[in-house]
Amino acid sequence: MDRNADLMQMGDYTRISYSEDNGARVVLDINGGDVSMKRHSEGLTHATFSMEGTSSLSVHSEHGILEFGVITLALDFNGDTLYINYQLLQGGETIDTHVFELSWKLEE
């Protein structure tokens, strides 16, 4: 899918923000080998991914907060592509595996 995004880079820190087709707003903060993802729609989903530190995912809604454990299987950021492969855990058990991949090209 092609869509416009805002990209800000300062040294090792990169911020990417974009809107999904359904109106949800996504903000990705990439700092070295760590990624924070916030997705705002009717509620807020906040995930942190790290190959060396702690990874987590929480969903905040009017009904409360749902927390998941996360195991980051792969995380690669090479300047114009972000790839994250992760498992969601609930009660210490893997309940699903997801891949998030985002590529971009700067407009001239």
C-alpha atoms as a PDB file:
ATOM      1  CA  MET A   1       0.000   0.000   0.000  1.00  0.00           C
ATOM      2  CA  ASP A   2       1.272   3.462  -0.786  1.00  0.00           C
ATOM      3  CA  ARG A   3       0.566   6.213   1.689  1.00  0.00           C
ATOM      4  CA  ASN A   4       2.297   9.337   2.874  1.00  0.00           C
ATOM      5  CA  ALA A   5       4.271   9.363   6.093  1.00  0.00           C
ATOM      6  CA  ASP A   6       6.309  11.827   8.105  1.00  0.00           C
ATOM      7  CA  LEU A   7       9.931  10.859   8.735  1.00  0.00           C
ATOM      8  CA  MET A   8      12.273  12.537  11.214  1.00  0.00           C
ATOM      9  CA  GLN A   9      15.864  11.423  11.731  1.00  0.00           C
ATOM     10  CA  MET A  10      18.338  12.630  14.371  1.00  0.00           C
ATOM     11  CA  GLY A  11      21.465  10.515  14.690  1.00  0.00           C
ATOM     12  CA  ASP A  12      20.454   6.997  15.797  1.00  0.00           C
ATOM     13  CA  TYR A  13      16.852   8.100  16.428  1.00  0.00           C
ATOM     14  CA  THR A  14      14.140   7.851  13.748  1.00  0.00           C
ATOM     15  CA  ARG A  15      10.433   8.700  14.048  1.00  0.00           C
ATOM     16  CA  ILE A  16       7.929   7.627  11.426  1.00  0.00           C
ATOM     17  CA  SER A  17       4.251   8.546  11.619  1.00  0.00           C
ATOM     18  CA  TYR A  18       1.449   7.729   9.230  1.00  0.00           C
ATOM     19  CA  SER A  19      -2.313   7.194   9.045  1.00  0.00           C
ATOM     20  CA  GLU A  20      -3.867   3.873   8.112  1.00  0.00           C
ATOM     21  CA  ASP A  21      -6.776   3.658   5.659  1.00  0.00           C
ATOM     22  CA  ASN A  22      -9.188   3.211   8.582  1.00  0.00           C
ATOM     23  CA  GLY A  23      -8.035   6.510  10.162  1.00  0.00           C
ATOM     24  CA  ALA A  24      -5.795   5.009  12.839  1.00  0.00           C
ATOM     25  CA  ARG A  25      -2.611   7.021  13.460  1.00  0.00           C
ATOM     26  CA  VAL A  26       0.658   5.090  13.911  1.00  0.00           C
ATOM     27  CA  VAL A  27       3.871   6.477  15.414  1.00  0.00           C
ATOM     28  CA  LEU A  28       7.086   4.430  15.339  1.00  0.00           C
ATOM     29  CA  ASP A  29      10.092   5.526  17.392  1.00  0.00           C
ATOM     30  CA  ILE A  30      13.276   3.668  16.458  1.00  0.00           C
ATOM     31  CA  ASN A  31      16.335   4.138  18.636  1.00  0.00           C
ATOM     32  CA  GLY A  32      19.255   1.841  17.962  1.00  0.00           C
ATOM     33  CA  GLY A  33      17.899  -1.698  18.340  1.00  0.00           C
ATOM     34  CA  ASP A  34      14.674  -0.704  20.134  1.00  0.00           C
ATOM     35  CA  VAL A  35      11.308   0.155  18.592  1.00  0.00           C
ATOM     36  CA  SER A  36       8.254   1.738  20.207  1.00  0.00           C
ATOM     37  CA  MET A  37       4.993   1.513  18.268  1.00  0.00           C
ATOM     38  CA  LYS A  38       1.888   3.486  19.225  1.00  0.00           C
ATOM     39  CA  ARG A  39      -1.334   3.027  17.273  1.00  0.00           C
ATOM     40  CA  HIS A  40      -4.191   5.407  18.082  1.00  0.00           C
ATOM     41  CA  SER A  41      -7.686   4.509  16.890  1.00  0.00           C
ATOM     42  CA  GLU A  42     -10.693   4.013  19.169  1.00  0.00           C
ATOM     43  CA  GLY A  43      -8.123   3.062  21.794  1.00  0.00           C
ATOM     44  CA  LEU A  44      -4.357   2.929  22.060  1.00  0.00           C
ATOM     45  CA  THR A  45      -2.109  -0.012  21.289  1.00  0.00           C
ATOM     46  CA  HIS A  46       1.443   0.428  22.580  1.00  0.00           C
ATOM     47  CA  ALA A  47       4.187  -2.060  21.815  1.00  0.00           C
ATOM     48  CA  THR A  48       7.899  -2.069  22.539  1.00  0.00           C
ATOM     49  CA  PHE A  49      10.264  -4.393  20.709  1.00  0.00           C
ATOM     50  CA  SER A  50      13.888  -5.132  21.557  1.00  0.00           C
ATOM     51  CA  MET A  51      16.279  -7.945  20.796  1.00  0.00           C
ATOM     52  CA  GLU A  52      18.249  -7.232  23.981  1.00  0.00           C
ATOM     53  CA  GLY A  53      15.770  -5.618  26.371  1.00  0.00           C
ATOM     54  CA  THR A  54      12.152  -6.158  27.339  1.00  0.00           C
ATOM     55  CA  SER A  55       9.381  -6.354  24.745  1.00  0.00           C
ATOM     56  CA  SER A  56       5.689  -5.852  25.545  1.00  0.00           C
ATOM     57  CA  LEU A  57       2.308  -4.966  24.066  1.00  0.00           C
ATOM     58  CA  SER A  58      -0.708  -3.379  25.709  1.00  0.00           C
ATOM     59  CA  VAL A  59      -4.137  -2.452  24.375  1.00  0.00           C
ATOM     60  CA  HIS A  60      -5.891   0.443  26.150  1.00  0.00           C
ATOM     61  CA  SER A  61      -9.619   0.924  25.605  1.00  0.00           C
ATOM     62  CA  GLU A  62     -12.668   2.221  27.433  1.00  0.00           C
ATOM     63  CA  HIS A  63     -13.006  -1.287  28.893  1.00  0.00           C
ATOM     64  CA  GLY A  64      -9.543  -1.321  30.469  1.00  0.00           C
ATOM     65  CA  ILE A  65      -6.021  -2.440  29.642  1.00  0.00           C
ATOM     66  CA  LEU A  66      -5.095  -5.784  28.123  1.00  0.00           C
ATOM     67  CA  GLU A  67      -1.405  -6.690  28.487  1.00  0.00           C
ATOM     68  CA  PHE A  68       0.558  -9.265  26.487  1.00  0.00           C
ATOM     69  CA  GLY A  69       4.047 -10.609  26.806  1.00  0.00           C
ATOM     70  CA  VAL A  70       6.142 -10.372  23.662  1.00  0.00           C
ATOM     71  CA  ILE A  71       9.125 -12.309  22.405  1.00  0.00           C
ATOM     72  CA  THR A  72      10.916 -10.442  19.624  1.00  0.00           C
ATOM     73  CA  LEU A  73      12.186 -13.077  17.203  1.00  0.00           C
ATOM     74  CA  ALA A  74      13.735 -10.695  14.666  1.00  0.00           C
ATOM     75  CA  LEU A  75      14.124  -6.937  14.439  1.00  0.00           C
ATOM     76  CA  ASP A  76      15.888  -5.274  11.525  1.00  0.00           C
ATOM     77  CA  PHE A  77      16.068  -1.589  10.641  1.00  0.00           C
ATOM     78  CA  ASN A  78      18.291  -0.688   7.726  1.00  0.00           C
ATOM     79  CA  GLY A  79      17.383   2.925   6.997  1.00  0.00           C
ATOM     80  CA  ASP A  80      14.452   2.442   4.624  1.00  0.00           C
ATOM     81  CA  THR A  81      12.861  -0.778   5.903  1.00  0.00           C
ATOM     82  CA  LEU A  82      11.680  -1.879   9.338  1.00  0.00           C
ATOM     83  CA  TYR A  83      11.029  -5.599   9.902  1.00  0.00           C
ATOM     84  CA  ILE A  84       9.763  -7.064  13.189  1.00  0.00           C
ATOM     85  CA  ASN A  85       8.833 -10.716  13.760  1.00  0.00           C
ATOM     86  CA  TYR A  86       7.343 -11.348  17.197  1.00  0.00           C
ATOM     87  CA  GLN A  87       5.283 -13.758  19.285  1.00  0.00           C
ATOM     88  CA  LEU A  88       2.418 -12.664  21.525  1.00  0.00           C
ATOM     89  CA  LEU A  89       2.216 -14.415  24.892  1.00  0.00           C
ATOM     90  CA  GLN A  90      -0.664 -14.718  27.308  1.00  0.00           C
ATOM     91  CA  GLY A  91      -0.242 -16.594  30.549  1.00  0.00           C
ATOM     92  CA  GLY A  92       3.276 -17.549  29.445  1.00  0.00           C
ATOM     93  CA  GLU A  93       1.951 -19.364  26.352  1.00  0.00           C
ATOM     94  CA  THR A  94       2.425 -18.281  22.735  1.00  0.00           C
ATOM     95  CA  ILE A  95      -0.958 -17.320  21.300  1.00  0.00           C
ATOM     96  CA  ASP A  96       0.098 -15.865  17.940  1.00  0.00           C
ATOM     97  CA  THR A  97       3.062 -14.877  15.775  1.00  0.00           C
ATOM     98  CA  HIS A  98       3.091 -11.633  13.794  1.00  0.00           C
ATOM     99  CA  VAL A  99       5.282  -9.912  11.230  1.00  0.00           C
ATOM    100  CA  PHE A 100       5.332  -6.132  10.860  1.00  0.00           C
ATOM    101  CA  GLU A 101       7.139  -4.796   7.822  1.00  0.00           C
ATOM    102  CA  LEU A 102       7.311  -1.203   6.655  1.00  0.00           C
ATOM    103  CA  SER A 103       9.328   0.137   3.719  1.00  0.00           C
ATOM    104  CA  TRP A 104       9.534   3.688   2.479  1.00  0.00           C
ATOM    105  CA  LYS A 105      11.050   5.815  -0.244  1.00  0.00           C
ATOM    106  CA  LEU A 106      11.749   9.501   0.216  1.00  0.00           C
ATOM    107  CA  GLU A 107      10.075  11.781  -2.291  1.00  0.00           C
ATOM    108  CA  GLU A 108      12.282  14.201  -4.145  1.00  0.00           C
END
